PDB file of N, CA and C in Angstrom:
ATOM      1  N   MET A   1     -86.844  56.750  43.093  1.00  0.00           N
ATOM      2  CA  MET A   1     -86.241  55.979  42.024  1.00  0.00           C
ATOM      3  C   MET A   1     -85.811  56.939  40.909  1.00  0.00           C
ATOM      4  N   ASP A   2     -84.600  56.775  40.404  1.00  0.00           N
ATOM      5  CA  ASP A   2     -84.122  57.691  39.373  1.00  0.00           C
ATOM      6  C   ASP A   2     -84.622  57.273  37.985  1.00  0.00           C
ATOM      7  N   THR A   3     -84.362  58.125  37.006  1.00  0.00           N
ATOM      8  CA  THR A   3     -84.857  57.913  35.652  1.00  0.00           C
ATOM      9  C   THR A   3     -84.352  56.608  35.054  1.00  0.00           C
ATOM     10  N   LEU A   4     -83.071  56.296  35.235  1.00  0.00           N
ATOM     11  CA  LEU A   4     -82.518  55.067  34.673  1.00  0.00           C
ATOM     12  C   LEU A   4     -83.223  53.836  35.243  1.00  0.00           C
ATOM     13  N   ASP A   5     -83.460  53.822  36.541  1.00  0.00           N
ATOM     14  CA  ASP A   5     -84.189  52.699  37.144  1.00  0.00           C
ATOM     15  C   ASP A   5     -85.615  52.622  36.600  1.00  0.00           C
ATOM     16  N   ASN A   6     -86.254  53.776  36.428  1.00  0.00           N
ATOM     17  CA  ASN A   6     -87.598  53.794  35.838  1.00  0.00           C
ATOM     18  C   ASN A   6     -87.578  53.249  34.421  1.00  0.00           C
ATOM     19  N   TYR A   7     -86.585  53.659  33.632  1.00  0.00           N
ATOM     20  CA  TYR A   7     -86.473  53.179  32.254  1.00  0.00           C
ATOM     21  C   TYR A   7     -86.258  51.671  32.216  1.00  0.00           C
ATOM     22  N   ARG A   8     -85.415  51.162  33.098  1.00  0.00           N
ATOM     23  CA  ARG A   8     -85.168  49.710  33.154  1.00  0.00           C
ATOM     24  C   ARG A   8     -86.455  48.957  33.476  1.00  0.00           C
ATOM     25  N   GLN A   9     -87.162  49.444  34.466  1.00  0.00           N
ATOM     26  CA  GLN A   9     -88.412  48.798  34.869  1.00  0.00           C
ATOM     27  C   GLN A   9     -89.451  48.870  33.744  1.00  0.00           C
ATOM     28  N   LEU A  10     -89.528  50.004  33.073  1.00  0.00           N
ATOM     29  CA  LEU A  10     -90.501  50.179  32.000  1.00  0.00           C
ATOM     30  C   LEU A  10     -90.235  49.239  30.836  1.00  0.00           C
ATOM     31  N   ILE A  11     -88.985  49.117  30.383  1.00  0.00           N
ATOM     32  CA  ILE A  11     -88.729  48.263  29.226  1.00  0.00           C
ATOM     33  C   ILE A  11     -88.927  46.796  29.584  1.00  0.00           C
ATOM     34  N   ARG A  12     -88.593  46.420  30.809  1.00  0.00           N
ATOM     35  CA  ARG A  12     -88.880  45.044  31.245  1.00  0.00           C
ATOM     36  C   ARG A  12     -90.377  44.766  31.194  1.00  0.00           C
ATOM     37  N   SER A  13     -91.158  45.722  31.647  1.00  0.00           N
ATOM     38  CA  SER A  13     -92.612  45.576  31.657  1.00  0.00           C
ATOM     39  C   SER A  13     -93.174  45.456  30.243  1.00  0.00           C
ATOM     40  N   ILE A  14     -92.702  46.302  29.338  1.00  0.00           N
ATOM     41  CA  ILE A  14     -93.184  46.265  27.950  1.00  0.00           C
ATOM     42  C   ILE A  14     -92.842  44.933  27.298  1.00  0.00           C
ATOM     43  N   ILE A  15     -91.605  44.483  27.476  1.00  0.00           N
ATOM     44  CA  ILE A  15     -91.199  43.210  26.863  1.00  0.00           C
ATOM     45  C   ILE A  15     -91.991  42.052  27.473  1.00  0.00           C
ATOM     46  N   THR A  16     -92.170  42.078  28.784  1.00  0.00           N
ATOM     47  CA  THR A  16     -92.927  41.012  29.443  1.00  0.00           C
ATOM     48  C   THR A  16     -94.360  40.970  28.938  1.00  0.00           C
ATOM     49  N   GLU A  17     -94.959  42.135  28.670  1.00  0.00           N
ATOM     50  CA  GLU A  17     -96.311  42.186  28.092  1.00  0.00           C
ATOM     51  C   GLU A  17     -96.390  41.388  26.803  1.00  0.00           C
ATOM     52  N   HIS A  18     -95.364  41.515  25.978  1.00  0.00           N
ATOM     53  CA  HIS A  18     -95.358  40.826  24.682  1.00  0.00           C
ATOM     54  C   HIS A  18     -95.273  39.313  24.829  1.00  0.00           C
ATOM     55  N   THR A  19     -94.770  38.815  25.950  1.00  0.00           N
ATOM     56  CA  THR A  19     -94.707  37.363  26.150  1.00  0.00           C
ATOM     57  C   THR A  19     -96.077  36.787  26.468  1.00  0.00           C
ATOM     58  N   ARG A  20     -97.006  37.629  26.833  1.00  0.00           N
ATOM     59  CA  ARG A  20     -98.353  37.166  27.209  1.00  0.00           C
ATOM     60  C   ARG A  20     -99.271  37.014  26.001  1.00  0.00           C
ATOM     61  N   VAL A  21     -98.836  37.496  24.851  1.00  0.00           N
ATOM     62  CA  VAL A  21     -99.635  37.379  23.629  1.00  0.00           C
ATOM     63  C   VAL A  21     -99.147  36.147  22.876  1.00  0.00           C
ATOM     64  N   PRO A  22    -100.000  35.130  22.690  1.00  0.00           N
ATOM     65  CA  PRO A  22     -99.537  33.917  22.012  1.00  0.00           C
ATOM     66  C   PRO A  22     -99.081  34.208  20.581  1.00  0.00           C
ATOM     67  N   TYR A  23     -98.032  33.526  20.173  1.00  0.00           N
ATOM     68  CA  TYR A  23     -97.520  33.679  18.812  1.00  0.00           C
ATOM     69  C   TYR A  23     -98.552  33.089  17.853  1.00  0.00           C
ATOM     70  N   ALA A  24     -98.769  33.728  16.725  1.00  0.00           N
ATOM     71  CA  ALA A  24     -99.851  33.368  15.814  1.00  0.00           C
ATOM     72  C   ALA A  24     -99.650  32.024  15.108  1.00  0.00           C
ATOM     73  N   TYR A  25     -98.412  31.626  14.859  1.00  0.00           N
ATOM     74  CA  TYR A  25     -98.160  30.426  14.071  1.00  0.00           C
ATOM     75  C   TYR A  25     -97.193  29.504  14.784  1.00  0.00           C
ATOM     76  N   GLY A  26     -97.367  28.196  14.580  1.00  0.00           N
ATOM     77  CA  GLY A  26     -96.404  27.219  15.056  1.00  0.00           C
ATOM     78  C   GLY A  26     -96.371  27.067  16.559  1.00  0.00           C
ATOM     79  N   ASP A  27     -95.396  26.295  17.009  1.00  0.00           N
ATOM     80  CA  ASP A  27     -95.170  26.051  18.426  1.00  0.00           C
ATOM     81  C   ASP A  27     -94.000  26.927  18.856  1.00  0.00           C
ATOM     82  N   ILE A  28     -94.293  28.187  19.135  1.00  0.00           N
ATOM     83  CA  ILE A  28     -93.266  29.187  19.399  1.00  0.00           C
ATOM     84  C   ILE A  28     -93.322  29.606  20.871  1.00  0.00           C
ATOM     85  N   GLN A  29     -92.151  29.691  21.480  1.00  0.00           N
ATOM     86  CA  GLN A  29     -92.039  30.144  22.861  1.00  0.00           C
ATOM     87  C   GLN A  29     -91.262  31.451  22.894  1.00  0.00           C
ATOM     88  N   PHE A  30     -91.411  32.161  23.987  1.00  0.00           N
ATOM     89  CA  PHE A  30     -90.690  33.414  24.189  1.00  0.00           C
ATOM     90  C   PHE A  30     -89.610  33.216  25.240  1.00  0.00           C
ATOM     91  N   GLU A  31     -88.519  33.941  25.082  1.00  0.00           N
ATOM     92  CA  GLU A  31     -87.455  33.945  26.069  1.00  0.00           C
ATOM     93  C   GLU A  31     -86.997  35.381  26.262  1.00  0.00           C
ATOM     94  N   THR A  32     -87.067  35.862  27.500  1.00  0.00           N
ATOM     95  CA  THR A  32     -86.619  37.227  27.790  1.00  0.00           C
ATOM     96  C   THR A  32     -85.172  37.203  28.261  1.00  0.00           C
ATOM     97  N   ILE A  33     -84.444  38.218  27.861  1.00  0.00           N
ATOM     98  CA  ILE A  33     -83.064  38.399  28.302  1.00  0.00           C
ATOM     99  C   ILE A  33     -82.956  39.830  28.811  1.00  0.00           C
ATOM    100  N   PHE A  34     -82.805  39.968  30.117  1.00  0.00           N
ATOM    101  CA  PHE A  34     -82.708  41.272  30.747  1.00  0.00           C
ATOM    102  C   PHE A  34     -81.324  41.404  31.388  1.00  0.00           C
ATOM    103  N   ASP A  35     -80.491  42.253  30.827  1.00  0.00           N
ATOM    104  CA  ASP A  35     -79.138  42.476  31.332  1.00  0.00           C
ATOM    105  C   ASP A  35     -79.051  43.915  31.817  1.00  0.00           C
ATOM    106  N   SER A  36     -79.289  44.114  33.114  1.00  0.00           N
ATOM    107  CA  SER A  36     -79.296  45.464  33.686  1.00  0.00           C
ATOM    108  C   SER A  36     -77.907  46.074  33.787  1.00  0.00           C
ATOM    109  N   GLU A  37     -76.876  45.250  33.843  1.00  0.00           N
ATOM    110  CA  GLU A  37     -75.513  45.785  33.909  1.00  0.00           C
ATOM    111  C   GLU A  37     -75.116  46.443  32.595  1.00  0.00           C
ATOM    112  N   SER A  38     -75.478  45.813  31.477  1.00  0.00           N
ATOM    113  CA  SER A  38     -75.171  46.374  30.157  1.00  0.00           C
ATOM    114  C   SER A  38     -76.338  47.147  29.575  1.00  0.00           C
ATOM    115  N   ASP A  39     -77.469  47.127  30.276  1.00  0.00           N
ATOM    116  CA  ASP A  39     -78.708  47.765  29.824  1.00  0.00           C
ATOM    117  C   ASP A  39     -79.134  47.273  28.441  1.00  0.00           C
ATOM    118  N   ARG A  40     -79.226  45.943  28.310  1.00  0.00           N
ATOM    119  CA  ARG A  40     -79.733  45.291  27.098  1.00  0.00           C
ATOM    120  C   ARG A  40     -80.973  44.492  27.474  1.00  0.00           C
ATOM    121  N   TYR A  41     -82.009  44.660  26.682  1.00  0.00           N
ATOM    122  CA  TYR A  41     -83.289  44.022  26.960  1.00  0.00           C
ATOM    123  C   TYR A  41     -83.793  43.407  25.667  1.00  0.00           C
ATOM    124  N   ILE A  42     -83.961  42.077  25.683  1.00  0.00           N
ATOM    125  CA  ILE A  42     -84.220  41.334  24.447  1.00  0.00           C
ATOM    126  C   ILE A  42     -85.373  40.362  24.663  1.00  0.00           C
ATOM    127  N   LEU A  43     -86.185  40.209  23.635  1.00  0.00           N
ATOM    128  CA  LEU A  43     -87.211  39.169  23.602  1.00  0.00           C
ATOM    129  C   LEU A  43     -86.921  38.280  22.406  1.00  0.00           C
ATOM    130  N   MET A  44     -86.620  37.023  22.703  1.00  0.00           N
ATOM    131  CA  MET A  44     -86.335  36.036  21.658  1.00  0.00           C
ATOM    132  C   MET A  44     -87.571  35.181  21.423  1.00  0.00           C
ATOM    133  N   ILE A  45     -87.697  34.683  20.194  1.00  0.00           N
ATOM    134  CA  ILE A  45     -88.712  33.679  19.885  1.00  0.00           C
ATOM    135  C   ILE A  45     -87.969  32.416  19.463  1.00  0.00           C
ATOM    136  N   LEU A  46     -88.483  31.269  19.904  1.00  0.00           N
ATOM    137  CA  LEU A  46     -87.874  30.019  19.501  1.00  0.00           C
ATOM    138  C   LEU A  46     -88.905  28.905  19.513  1.00  0.00           C
ATOM    139  N   GLY A  47     -88.705  27.970  18.608  1.00  0.00           N
ATOM    140  CA  GLY A  47     -89.629  26.856  18.501  1.00  0.00           C
ATOM    141  C   GLY A  47     -89.646  26.306  17.085  1.00  0.00           C
ATOM    142  N   TRP A  48     -90.834  25.821  16.690  1.00  0.00           N
ATOM    143  CA  TRP A  48     -90.987  25.177  15.383  1.00  0.00           C
ATOM    144  C   TRP A  48     -92.241  25.684  14.682  1.00  0.00           C
ATOM    145  N   GLU A  49     -92.122  25.868  13.379  1.00  0.00           N
ATOM    146  CA  GLU A  49     -93.259  26.267  12.545  1.00  0.00           C
ATOM    147  C   GLU A  49     -93.170  25.512  11.226  1.00  0.00           C
ATOM    148  N   ASN A  50     -94.190  24.716  10.936  1.00  0.00           N
ATOM    149  CA  ASN A  50     -94.244  23.918   9.703  1.00  0.00           C
ATOM    150  C   ASN A  50     -92.971  23.107   9.478  1.00  0.00           C
ATOM    151  N   GLY A  51     -92.474  22.485  10.542  1.00  0.00           N
ATOM    152  CA  GLY A  51     -91.291  21.642  10.437  1.00  0.00           C
ATOM    153  C   GLY A  51     -89.974  22.388  10.350  1.00  0.00           C
ATOM    154  N   HIS A  52     -90.006  23.708  10.472  1.00  0.00           N
ATOM    155  CA  HIS A  52     -88.788  24.521  10.404  1.00  0.00           C
ATOM    156  C   HIS A  52     -88.500  25.145  11.766  1.00  0.00           C
ATOM    157  N   ARG A  53     -87.232  25.181  12.087  1.00  0.00           N
ATOM    158  CA  ARG A  53     -86.795  25.788  13.349  1.00  0.00           C
ATOM    159  C   ARG A  53     -86.954  27.300  13.281  1.00  0.00           C
ATOM    160  N   VAL A  54     -87.503  27.874  14.321  1.00  0.00           N
ATOM    161  CA  VAL A  54     -87.644  29.322  14.451  1.00  0.00           C
ATOM    162  C   VAL A  54     -86.785  29.751  15.631  1.00  0.00           C
ATOM    163  N   HIS A  55     -85.902  30.687  15.381  1.00  0.00           N
ATOM    164  CA  HIS A  55     -85.052  31.216  16.456  1.00  0.00           C
ATOM    165  C   HIS A  55     -84.635  32.614  16.043  1.00  0.00           C
ATOM    166  N   GLY A  56     -85.086  33.605  16.772  1.00  0.00           N
ATOM    167  CA  GLY A  56     -84.739  34.968  16.394  1.00  0.00           C
ATOM    168  C   GLY A  56     -85.123  35.985  17.446  1.00  0.00           C
ATOM    169  N   CYS A  57     -84.713  37.181  17.183  1.00  0.00           N
ATOM    170  CA  CYS A  57     -84.943  38.300  18.078  1.00  0.00           C
ATOM    171  C   CYS A  57     -86.195  39.050  17.634  1.00  0.00           C
ATOM    172  N   LEU A  58     -87.173  39.173  18.524  1.00  0.00           N
ATOM    173  CA  LEU A  58     -88.380  39.937  18.224  1.00  0.00           C
ATOM    174  C   LEU A  58     -88.216  41.394  18.659  1.00  0.00           C
ATOM    175  N   ILE A  59     -87.640  41.607  19.840  1.00  0.00           N
ATOM    176  CA  ILE A  59     -87.414  42.956  20.365  1.00  0.00           C
ATOM    177  C   ILE A  59     -86.004  43.020  20.946  1.00  0.00           C
ATOM    178  N   HIS A  60     -85.315  44.112  20.649  1.00  0.00           N
ATOM    179  CA  HIS A  60     -84.001  44.375  21.269  1.00  0.00           C
ATOM    180  C   HIS A  60     -83.937  45.871  21.530  1.00  0.00           C
ATOM    181  N   VAL A  61     -83.819  46.221  22.801  1.00  0.00           N
ATOM    182  CA  VAL A  61     -83.723  47.621  23.215  1.00  0.00           C
ATOM    183  C   VAL A  61     -82.534  47.762  24.155  1.00  0.00           C
ATOM    184  N   ASP A  62     -81.678  48.734  23.867  1.00  0.00           N
ATOM    185  CA  ASP A  62     -80.577  49.087  24.757  1.00  0.00           C
ATOM    186  C   ASP A  62     -80.880  50.456  25.367  1.00  0.00           C
ATOM    187  N   ILE A  63     -80.392  50.677  26.562  1.00  0.00           N
ATOM    188  CA  ILE A  63     -80.417  52.021  27.137  1.00  0.00           C
ATOM    189  C   ILE A  63     -78.987  52.528  27.053  1.00  0.00           C
ATOM    190  N   ILE A  64     -78.788  53.549  26.231  1.00  0.00           N
ATOM    191  CA  ILE A  64     -77.463  54.110  25.988  1.00  0.00           C
ATOM    192  C   ILE A  64     -77.511  55.606  26.279  1.00  0.00           C
ATOM    193  N   ASN A  65     -76.631  56.052  27.151  1.00  0.00           N
ATOM    194  CA  ASN A  65     -76.569  57.471  27.527  1.00  0.00           C
ATOM    195  C   ASN A  65     -77.943  58.024  27.906  1.00  0.00           C
ATOM    196  N   GLY A  66     -78.698  57.233  28.648  1.00  0.00           N
ATOM    197  CA  GLY A  66     -79.986  57.686  29.151  1.00  0.00           C
ATOM    198  C   GLY A  66     -81.118  57.694  28.150  1.00  0.00           C
ATOM    199  N   LYS A  67     -80.901  57.100  26.956  1.00  0.00           N
ATOM    200  CA  LYS A  67     -81.956  57.035  25.946  1.00  0.00           C
ATOM    201  C   LYS A  67     -82.246  55.583  25.578  1.00  0.00           C
ATOM    202  N   PHE A  68     -83.493  55.344  25.193  1.00  0.00           N
ATOM    203  CA  PHE A  68     -83.871  54.042  24.671  1.00  0.00           C
ATOM    204  C   PHE A  68     -83.407  53.945  23.217  1.00  0.00           C
ATOM    205  N   TRP A  69     -82.602  52.943  22.921  1.00  0.00           N
ATOM    206  CA  TRP A  69     -82.181  52.661  21.546  1.00  0.00           C
ATOM    207  C   TRP A  69     -82.895  51.391  21.118  1.00  0.00           C
ATOM    208  N   ILE A  70     -83.879  51.522  20.237  1.00  0.00           N
ATOM    209  CA  ILE A  70     -84.616  50.363  19.749  1.00  0.00           C
ATOM    210  C   ILE A  70     -83.820  49.788  18.575  1.00  0.00           C
ATOM    211  N   GLN A  71     -83.169  48.658  18.832  1.00  0.00           N
ATOM    212  CA  GLN A  71     -82.308  48.039  17.830  1.00  0.00           C
ATOM    213  C   GLN A  71     -83.091  47.110  16.899  1.00  0.00           C
ATOM    214  N   ARG A  72     -84.164  46.510  17.435  1.00  0.00           N
ATOM    215  CA  ARG A  72     -85.015  45.616  16.653  1.00  0.00           C
ATOM    216  C   ARG A  72     -86.403  45.694  17.229  1.00  0.00           C
ATOM    217  N   ASP A  73     -87.395  45.808  16.347  1.00  0.00           N
ATOM    218  CA  ASP A  73     -88.787  45.835  16.788  1.00  0.00           C
ATOM    219  C   ASP A  73     -89.625  45.067  15.774  1.00  0.00           C
ATOM    220  N   GLY A  74     -89.966  43.855  16.112  1.00  0.00           N
ATOM    221  CA  GLY A  74     -90.783  43.023  15.239  1.00  0.00           C
ATOM    222  C   GLY A  74     -92.230  42.954  15.688  1.00  0.00           C
ATOM    223  N   THR A  75     -92.684  43.948  16.432  1.00  0.00           N
ATOM    224  CA  THR A  75     -94.058  43.957  16.927  1.00  0.00           C
ATOM    225  C   THR A  75     -94.955  44.777  16.006  1.00  0.00           C
ATOM    226  N   GLU A  76     -96.246  44.546  16.122  1.00  0.00           N
ATOM    227  CA  GLU A  76     -97.197  45.316  15.326  1.00  0.00           C
ATOM    228  C   GLU A  76     -97.437  46.707  15.910  1.00  0.00           C
ATOM    229  N   VAL A  77     -97.539  46.791  17.224  1.00  0.00           N
ATOM    230  CA  VAL A  77     -97.876  48.055  17.879  1.00  0.00           C
ATOM    231  C   VAL A  77     -96.691  49.021  17.893  1.00  0.00           C
ATOM    232  N   GLY A  78     -95.493  48.493  17.984  1.00  0.00           N
ATOM    233  CA  GLY A  78     -94.300  49.334  18.007  1.00  0.00           C
ATOM    234  C   GLY A  78     -93.876  49.693  19.422  1.00  0.00           C
ATOM    235  N   VAL A  79     -92.672  49.283  19.783  1.00  0.00           N
ATOM    236  CA  VAL A  79     -92.144  49.573  21.113  1.00  0.00           C
ATOM    237  C   VAL A  79     -92.029  51.082  21.335  1.00  0.00           C
ATOM    238  N   ALA A  80     -91.634  51.825  20.313  1.00  0.00           N
ATOM    239  CA  ALA A  80     -91.539  53.284  20.454  1.00  0.00           C
ATOM    240  C   ALA A  80     -92.892  53.872  20.837  1.00  0.00           C
ATOM    241  N   ASN A  81     -93.953  53.394  20.217  1.00  0.00           N
ATOM    242  CA  ASN A  81     -95.294  53.879  20.555  1.00  0.00           C
ATOM    243  C   ASN A  81     -95.660  53.538  21.999  1.00  0.00           C
ATOM    244  N   GLN A  82     -95.265  52.351  22.443  1.00  0.00           N
ATOM    245  CA  GLN A  82     -95.551  51.962  23.822  1.00  0.00           C
ATOM    246  C   GLN A  82     -94.778  52.835  24.811  1.00  0.00           C
ATOM    247  N   LEU A  83     -93.551  53.153  24.474  1.00  0.00           N
ATOM    248  CA  LEU A  83     -92.761  54.030  25.335  1.00  0.00           C
ATOM    249  C   LEU A  83     -93.385  55.421  25.419  1.00  0.00           C
ATOM    250  N   VAL A  84     -93.805  55.958  24.287  1.00  0.00           N
ATOM    251  CA  VAL A  84     -94.453  57.274  24.263  1.00  0.00           C
ATOM    252  C   VAL A  84     -95.746  57.239  25.081  1.00  0.00           C
ATOM    253  N   ASP A  85     -96.540  56.175  24.888  1.00  0.00           N
ATOM    254  CA  ASP A  85     -97.787  56.041  25.650  1.00  0.00           C
ATOM    255  C   ASP A  85     -97.524  55.979  27.157  1.00  0.00           C
ATOM    256  N   ALA A  86     -96.342  55.483  27.535  1.00  0.00           N
ATOM    257  CA  ALA A  86     -95.978  55.394  28.956  1.00  0.00           C
ATOM    258  C   ALA A  86     -95.378  56.695  29.482  1.00  0.00           C
ATOM    259  N   GLY A  87     -95.278  57.725  28.613  1.00  0.00           N
ATOM    260  CA  GLY A  87     -94.809  59.029  29.058  1.00  0.00           C
ATOM    261  C   GLY A  87     -93.357  59.354  28.747  1.00  0.00           C
ATOM    262  N   VAL A  88     -92.681  58.510  27.973  1.00  0.00           N
ATOM    263  CA  VAL A  88     -91.285  58.793  27.620  1.00  0.00           C
ATOM    264  C   VAL A  88     -91.275  59.841  26.505  1.00  0.00           C
ATOM    265  N   PRO A  89     -90.529  60.919  26.662  1.00  0.00           N
ATOM    266  CA  PRO A  89     -90.445  61.925  25.599  1.00  0.00           C
ATOM    267  C   PRO A  89     -89.796  61.328  24.344  1.00  0.00           C
ATOM    268  N   LYS A  90     -90.276  61.746  23.191  1.00  0.00           N
ATOM    269  CA  LYS A  90     -89.751  61.220  21.926  1.00  0.00           C
ATOM    270  C   LYS A  90     -88.273  61.504  21.741  1.00  0.00           C
ATOM    271  N   ASP A  91     -87.768  62.571  22.376  1.00  0.00           N
ATOM    272  CA  ASP A  91     -86.343  62.872  22.229  1.00  0.00           C
ATOM    273  C   ASP A  91     -85.466  61.955  23.095  1.00  0.00           C
ATOM    274  N   GLN A  92     -86.106  61.010  23.798  1.00  0.00           N
ATOM    275  CA  GLN A  92     -85.382  60.012  24.591  1.00  0.00           C
ATOM    276  C   GLN A  92     -85.458  58.626  23.953  1.00  0.00           C
ATOM    277  N   ILE A  93     -85.964  58.571  22.713  1.00  0.00           N
ATOM    278  CA  ILE A  93     -86.130  57.306  21.997  1.00  0.00           C
ATOM    279  C   ILE A  93     -85.415  57.410  20.659  1.00  0.00           C
ATOM    280  N   VAL A  94     -84.506  56.476  20.398  1.00  0.00           N
ATOM    281  CA  VAL A  94     -83.764  56.429  19.139  1.00  0.00           C
ATOM    282  C   VAL A  94     -84.181  55.168  18.390  1.00  0.00           C
ATOM    283  N   LEU A  95     -84.562  55.338  17.145  1.00  0.00           N
ATOM    284  CA  LEU A  95     -84.885  54.187  16.303  1.00  0.00           C
ATOM    285  C   LEU A  95     -83.588  53.659  15.702  1.00  0.00           C
ATOM    286  N   GLY A  96     -82.865  52.865  16.486  1.00  0.00           N
ATOM    287  CA  GLY A  96     -81.555  52.375  16.087  1.00  0.00           C
ATOM    288  C   GLY A  96     -81.571  51.491  14.864  1.00  0.00           C
ATOM    289  N   PHE A  97     -82.732  50.925  14.531  1.00  0.00           N
ATOM    290  CA  PHE A  97     -82.841  50.070  13.348  1.00  0.00           C
ATOM    291  C   PHE A  97     -82.953  50.889  12.054  1.00  0.00           C
ATOM    292  N   ARG A  98     -83.056  52.196  12.196  1.00  0.00           N
ATOM    293  CA  ARG A  98     -83.060  53.096  11.033  1.00  0.00           C
ATOM    294  C   ARG A  98     -81.660  53.681  10.859  1.00  0.00           C
ATOM    295  N   SER A  99     -81.291  53.971   9.631  1.00  0.00           N
ATOM    296  CA  SER A  99     -79.970  54.561   9.388  1.00  0.00           C
ATOM    297  C   SER A  99     -79.932  55.973   9.966  1.00  0.00           C
ATOM    298  N   PRO A 100     -78.740  56.454  10.328  1.00  0.00           N
ATOM    299  CA  PRO A 100     -78.640  57.827  10.871  1.00  0.00           C
ATOM    300  C   PRO A 100     -79.206  58.874   9.919  1.00  0.00           C
ATOM    301  N   GLU A 101     -79.088  58.655   8.621  1.00  0.00           N
ATOM    302  CA  GLU A 101     -79.630  59.620   7.653  1.00  0.00           C
ATOM    303  C   GLU A 101     -81.144  59.694   7.719  1.00  0.00           C
ATOM    304  N   ILE A 102     -81.790  58.557   7.945  1.00  0.00           N
ATOM    305  CA  ILE A 102     -83.259  58.512   8.014  1.00  0.00           C
ATOM    306  C   ILE A 102     -83.763  58.997   9.376  1.00  0.00           C
ATOM    307  N   ARG A 103     -83.030  58.662  10.445  1.00  0.00           N
ATOM    308  CA  ARG A 103     -83.458  59.031  11.806  1.00  0.00           C
ATOM    309  C   ARG A 103     -83.735  60.518  11.960  1.00  0.00           C
ATOM    310  N   LYS A 104     -82.952  61.344  11.299  1.00  0.00           N
ATOM    311  CA  LYS A 104     -83.133  62.793  11.487  1.00  0.00           C
ATOM    312  C   LYS A 104     -84.452  63.298  10.933  1.00  0.00           C
ATOM    313  N   TYR A 105     -85.140  62.467  10.119  1.00  0.00           N
ATOM    314  CA  TYR A 105     -86.433  62.868   9.569  1.00  0.00           C
ATOM    315  C   TYR A 105     -87.616  62.263  10.350  1.00  0.00           C
ATOM    316  N   THR A 106     -87.300  61.493  11.387  1.00  0.00           N
ATOM    317  CA  THR A 106     -88.369  60.932  12.199  1.00  0.00           C
ATOM    318  C   THR A 106     -88.708  61.907  13.327  1.00  0.00           C
ATOM    319  N   GLU A 107     -89.772  61.621  14.028  1.00  0.00           N
ATOM    320  CA  GLU A 107     -90.155  62.470  15.154  1.00  0.00           C
ATOM    321  C   GLU A 107     -89.418  62.090  16.438  1.00  0.00           C
ATOM    322  N   PHE A 108     -88.507  61.107  16.322  1.00  0.00           N
ATOM    323  CA  PHE A 108     -87.755  60.633  17.482  1.00  0.00           C
ATOM    324  C   PHE A 108     -86.335  61.164  17.445  1.00  0.00           C
ATOM    325  N   ALA A 109     -85.557  60.858  18.486  1.00  0.00           N
ATOM    326  CA  ALA A 109     -84.181  61.346  18.590  1.00  0.00           C
ATOM    327  C   ALA A 109     -83.325  60.758  17.459  1.00  0.00           C
ATOM    328  N   ALA A 110     -82.382  61.550  16.970  1.00  0.00           N
ATOM    329  CA  ALA A 110     -81.468  61.079  15.913  1.00  0.00           C
ATOM    330  C   ALA A 110     -80.370  60.224  16.528  1.00  0.00           C
ATOM    331  N   ALA A 111     -79.964  60.527  17.744  1.00  0.00           N
ATOM    332  CA  ALA A 111     -78.943  59.730  18.470  1.00  0.00           C
ATOM    333  C   ALA A 111     -78.896  60.172  19.911  1.00  0.00           C
TER     334      ALA A 111
END
């Protein structure tokens, strides 16, 4: 199996793990969106909390040019940390939710 296939399988696994942890508040469900053709991997939350509709993106990761681009990370543990723990080199992870000016000061890839 090549690196891209490994990366696809790994991000699916990480996102699926997050669906197994119950949401702390309200009647919230998880919805995974795995698009292997475009290499987009998303975890949505939807439901109701205190009479208000909840609908949003908890995790969004793209694989672009062989690197993980974390576009949104609403988790406590951090998807980047999970990727590193799984053996992904930090220079293969881009914190896309940070501005390019800030990224160069992180321990992860700038782009």
